[in-house]
Amino acid sequence: MKIKKIAAGLIAGIFVLGFVIFLFACIVNVCMVSSTKSLVVDSYEALPQSQCVLVLGAQVWANGTLSTVLKDRVCSGAEIYNHGYAPKLLLSGDHGRKHYDEVNAMKQFVQNNYPAIPACDIFLDHAGFSTYQSVYRAKAVFEVENTIIVTQKFHAARCAYIAKKLGVNAVVYCADESLGFRKALRLRWFCREFGARFKAFFSVTFHAKPKYLGEKIPITGDGKLSWD
């Protein structure tokens, strides 16, 4: 009988703890979204002049083709550059494995589709393994003080929050969302983002270090120095 009572007590305790954590996560999400609304824009006219456009990575297929999510981001980033809002592109993504390379796929797409953008204006961050690490490294490695971050609307609040907490003066531009992306992935990305915002809260609270840092490559210099 005592064992049953203990087991019931443990189950009840786990349930209460889980509920408290979920409630706290909800509060974090609501506060993060509400506190960053002024930093999220969806039109070029609302963009300030900045040091660079920071394009955040996403899935690249095995043949090097950009996923719809990433293609929308890269196209928006290149257009922002072409409109003169920033003189440099910083393409940040996952290149931590030999056969998976987001950043060079992004660079190749830019060079194929926007040949007028000089190679020296394209910077690559090969260790942007997460949004937090991309923003952290933008400041610590590339010496970015102000930037336009390009992503989609579902991701914008977290980007703005992280940048603000890390001392990067950033505006987040919401890239166009292709029809297929809106229908197939919106719910999945929303659910993923709920947990990611909660994780980001702790990352900035404890000022977590990225996996890699390395030598500084100032965003004011030659982007080709970051290609290797």
Protein backbone atom coordinates (compact mmCIF):
# COMPACT_ATOMS: atom_id res chain seq x y z
CA MET A 1 0.00 0.00 0.00
CA LYS A 2 2.82 2.36 0.90
CA ILE A 3 4.54 1.62 -2.41
CA LYS A 4 1.37 2.53 -4.28
CA LYS A 5 1.10 5.80 -2.35
CA ILE A 6 4.73 6.63 -3.04
CA ALA A 7 4.29 5.83 -6.74
CA ALA A 8 1.14 7.94 -6.90
CA GLY A 9 2.96 10.78 -5.18
CA LEU A 10 5.85 10.58 -7.64
CA ILE A 11 3.51 10.58 -10.61
CA ALA A 12 1.63 13.56 -9.21
CA GLY A 13 4.93 15.37 -8.54
CA ILE A 14 6.16 14.73 -12.07
CA PHE A 15 2.86 15.95 -13.48
CA VAL A 16 2.99 19.15 -11.40
CA LEU A 17 6.63 19.76 -12.34
CA GLY A 18 5.86 19.20 -16.00
CA PHE A 19 2.94 21.61 -15.82
CA VAL A 20 5.09 24.28 -14.12
CA ILE A 21 7.81 23.92 -16.77
CA PHE A 22 5.22 24.11 -19.56
CA LEU A 23 3.65 27.21 -17.98
CA PHE A 24 7.06 28.85 -17.65
CA ALA A 25 7.82 28.01 -21.30
CA CYS A 26 4.53 29.63 -22.32
CA ILE A 27 5.40 32.79 -20.39
CA VAL A 28 8.86 32.89 -21.98
CA ASN A 29 7.33 32.54 -25.45
CA VAL A 30 4.74 35.26 -24.91
CA CYS A 31 7.27 37.68 -23.43
CA MET A 32 9.81 37.00 -26.18
CA VAL A 33 7.32 37.67 -28.95
CA SER A 34 5.77 40.74 -27.34
CA SER A 35 9.10 42.35 -26.41
CA THR A 36 10.55 42.12 -29.94
CA LYS A 37 7.65 43.26 -32.11
CA SER A 38 9.27 46.61 -32.83
CA LEU A 39 12.39 44.85 -34.14
CA VAL A 40 10.59 42.70 -36.72
CA VAL A 41 9.74 44.13 -40.15
CA ASP A 42 8.42 42.79 -43.44
CA SER A 43 9.12 45.63 -45.87
CA TYR A 44 12.32 47.08 -47.27
CA GLU A 45 11.20 50.60 -46.44
CA ALA A 46 11.37 49.81 -42.71
CA LEU A 47 14.99 48.67 -42.86
CA PRO A 48 17.82 50.80 -41.43
CA GLN A 49 21.29 51.13 -42.91
CA SER A 50 23.41 48.36 -41.40
CA GLN A 51 26.87 46.83 -41.54
CA CYS A 52 25.66 43.61 -43.11
CA VAL A 53 22.78 41.31 -43.91
CA LEU A 54 22.95 38.18 -41.77
CA VAL A 55 21.21 35.30 -43.57
CA LEU A 56 20.55 32.34 -41.30
CA GLY A 57 20.99 28.81 -42.62
CA ALA A 58 18.45 26.03 -43.01
CA GLN A 59 18.17 22.66 -44.73
CA VAL A 60 20.21 21.93 -47.84
CA TRP A 61 19.43 18.80 -49.83
CA ALA A 62 22.03 16.15 -50.68
CA ASN A 63 22.55 17.51 -54.19
CA GLY A 64 23.33 20.99 -52.84
CA THR A 65 19.91 22.45 -53.63
CA LEU A 66 18.55 24.91 -51.10
CA SER A 67 15.35 24.01 -49.30
CA THR A 68 12.39 26.32 -49.87
CA VAL A 69 12.93 27.92 -46.46
CA LEU A 70 16.58 28.68 -47.18
CA LYS A 71 16.03 29.79 -50.76
CA ASP A 72 13.48 32.37 -49.56
CA ARG A 73 15.98 33.67 -47.01
CA VAL A 74 18.91 33.90 -49.40
CA CYS A 75 16.85 35.65 -52.08
CA SER A 76 15.60 38.21 -49.56
CA GLY A 77 19.11 38.78 -48.23
CA ALA A 78 20.52 39.36 -51.71
CA GLU A 79 17.70 41.75 -52.57
CA ILE A 80 18.30 43.74 -49.36
CA TYR A 81 21.95 44.01 -50.35
CA ASN A 82 21.00 45.09 -53.87
CA HIS A 83 18.69 47.76 -52.47
CA GLY A 84 21.68 49.27 -50.68
CA TYR A 85 20.67 48.69 -47.06
CA ALA A 86 23.95 46.95 -46.22
CA PRO A 87 27.31 46.58 -47.99
CA LYS A 88 28.03 42.98 -46.95
CA LEU A 89 26.32 39.58 -46.87
CA LEU A 90 27.05 37.22 -43.97
CA LEU A 91 25.81 33.72 -44.79
CA SER A 92 25.73 31.66 -41.62
CA GLY A 93 24.93 27.96 -41.40
CA ASP A 94 26.00 24.43 -40.63
CA HIS A 95 29.19 23.17 -42.22
CA GLY A 96 30.23 20.89 -39.40
CA ARG A 97 30.25 17.71 -41.47
CA LYS A 98 32.23 16.81 -44.57
CA HIS A 99 29.19 15.94 -46.69
CA TYR A 100 26.79 18.61 -45.40
CA ASP A 101 27.48 22.24 -46.24
CA GLU A 102 24.85 24.96 -45.97
CA VAL A 103 27.12 27.97 -46.36
CA ASN A 104 28.83 27.07 -49.63
CA ALA A 105 25.47 26.07 -51.10
CA MET A 106 24.16 29.50 -50.11
CA LYS A 107 27.21 31.21 -51.59
CA GLN A 108 26.89 29.25 -54.83
CA PHE A 109 23.23 30.21 -55.10
CA VAL A 110 24.06 33.89 -54.64
CA GLN A 111 26.84 33.78 -57.22
CA ASN A 112 24.67 31.92 -59.73
CA ASN A 113 21.60 34.12 -59.34
CA TYR A 114 23.06 37.47 -58.27
CA PRO A 115 26.37 37.71 -60.18
CA ALA A 116 26.59 41.46 -59.63
CA ILE A 117 27.34 40.93 -55.94
CA PRO A 118 31.15 41.00 -55.60
CA ALA A 119 32.82 37.98 -54.03
CA CYS A 120 34.59 40.23 -51.51
CA ASP A 121 31.20 41.26 -50.09
CA ILE A 122 30.13 37.68 -49.32
CA PHE A 123 31.18 36.37 -45.91
CA LEU A 124 30.70 32.76 -44.76
CA ASP A 125 30.23 31.57 -41.20
CA HIS A 126 30.81 27.81 -41.34
CA ALA A 127 30.00 27.29 -37.64
CA GLY A 128 26.52 28.81 -37.45
CA PHE A 129 25.10 25.62 -35.98
CA SER A 130 22.16 27.39 -34.34
CA THR A 131 20.54 30.81 -34.33
CA TYR A 132 22.25 31.62 -31.05
CA GLN A 133 25.68 30.61 -32.36
CA SER A 134 25.18 32.52 -35.62
CA VAL A 135 24.38 35.77 -33.80
CA TYR A 136 27.04 35.25 -31.15
CA ARG A 137 29.72 34.59 -33.79
CA ALA A 138 28.53 37.50 -35.92
CA LYS A 139 29.59 39.80 -33.10
CA ALA A 140 32.55 37.87 -31.65
CA VAL A 141 34.20 36.71 -34.89
CA PHE A 142 32.98 39.10 -37.58
CA GLU A 143 32.76 42.15 -35.30
CA VAL A 144 29.20 42.95 -36.33
CA GLU A 145 27.62 45.66 -34.20
CA ASN A 146 24.46 46.24 -36.23
CA THR A 147 22.81 44.03 -38.80
CA ILE A 148 19.69 43.03 -40.67
CA ILE A 149 18.86 39.40 -39.86
CA VAL A 150 16.91 37.53 -42.53
CA THR A 151 14.61 34.64 -41.62
CA GLN A 152 10.89 33.83 -41.67
CA LYS A 153 8.17 35.25 -39.45
CA PHE A 154 7.87 32.17 -37.23
CA HIS A 155 11.56 32.51 -36.34
CA ALA A 156 11.83 36.30 -36.12
CA ALA A 157 11.07 36.87 -32.43
CA ARG A 158 13.78 34.46 -31.27
CA CYS A 159 16.36 36.06 -33.58
CA ALA A 160 15.52 39.56 -32.36
CA TYR A 161 15.58 38.47 -28.71
CA ILE A 162 18.96 36.75 -28.99
CA ALA A 163 20.52 39.70 -30.83
CA LYS A 164 19.19 42.17 -28.27
CA LYS A 165 20.50 40.14 -25.33
CA LEU A 166 23.91 39.65 -26.96
CA GLY A 167 24.31 43.36 -27.61
CA VAL A 168 23.85 43.28 -31.38
CA ASN A 169 21.73 46.11 -32.74
CA ALA A 170 19.55 44.15 -35.16
CA VAL A 171 16.35 44.40 -37.15
CA VAL A 172 14.83 41.12 -38.34
CA TYR A 173 13.43 41.02 -41.85
CA CYS A 174 10.74 38.41 -42.49
CA ALA A 175 11.46 36.78 -45.83
CA ASP A 176 8.68 35.80 -48.19
CA GLU A 177 7.24 32.37 -47.50
CA SER A 178 6.63 30.26 -50.61
CA LEU A 179 3.19 28.70 -50.88
CA GLY A 180 4.48 25.16 -50.36
CA PHE A 181 6.30 26.20 -47.21
CA ARG A 182 3.24 27.90 -45.75
CA LYS A 183 1.00 24.88 -46.24
CA ALA A 184 3.35 22.03 -45.38
CA LEU A 185 5.62 23.36 -42.70
CA ARG A 186 3.97 26.20 -40.79
CA LEU A 187 2.54 24.06 -37.96
CA ARG A 188 5.68 21.95 -37.65
CA TRP A 189 7.95 24.98 -37.46
CA PHE A 190 5.65 26.68 -34.95
CA CYS A 191 5.81 23.70 -32.59
CA ARG A 192 9.59 23.49 -32.97
CA GLU A 193 9.93 27.21 -32.32
CA PHE A 194 8.04 26.96 -29.03
CA GLY A 195 10.79 24.78 -27.58
CA ALA A 196 13.59 26.68 -29.32
CA ARG A 197 12.54 29.96 -27.72
CA PHE A 198 12.61 28.30 -24.32
CA LYS A 199 16.12 27.02 -25.00
CA ALA A 200 17.23 30.44 -26.25
CA PHE A 201 16.10 31.99 -22.97
CA PHE A 202 18.58 29.86 -21.06
CA SER A 203 21.34 30.33 -23.64
CA VAL A 204 21.29 34.11 -23.28
CA THR A 205 20.69 33.96 -19.52
CA PHE A 206 23.86 31.94 -18.99
CA HIS A 207 25.70 33.52 -21.96
CA ALA A 208 26.57 30.13 -23.42
CA LYS A 209 29.67 29.94 -25.59
CA PRO A 210 29.38 28.71 -29.18
CA LYS A 211 31.04 25.46 -30.19
CA TYR A 212 33.74 27.32 -32.12
CA LEU A 213 35.07 30.87 -32.16
CA GLY A 214 38.42 31.26 -33.89
CA GLU A 215 40.26 34.25 -35.33
CA LYS A 216 38.43 37.48 -36.04
CA ILE A 217 37.37 38.24 -39.61
CA PRO A 218 36.04 41.83 -39.56
CA ILE A 219 32.89 42.33 -41.61
CA THR A 220 34.47 45.52 -42.96
CA GLY A 221 37.18 43.54 -44.76
CA ASP A 222 37.34 41.02 -47.58
CA GLY A 223 34.70 38.28 -47.40
CA LYS A 224 36.85 35.78 -49.30
CA LEU A 225 39.03 35.45 -46.19
CA SER A 226 36.13 33.58 -44.56
CA TRP A 227 35.61 31.04 -47.35
CA ASP A 228 38.10 28.41 -46.18
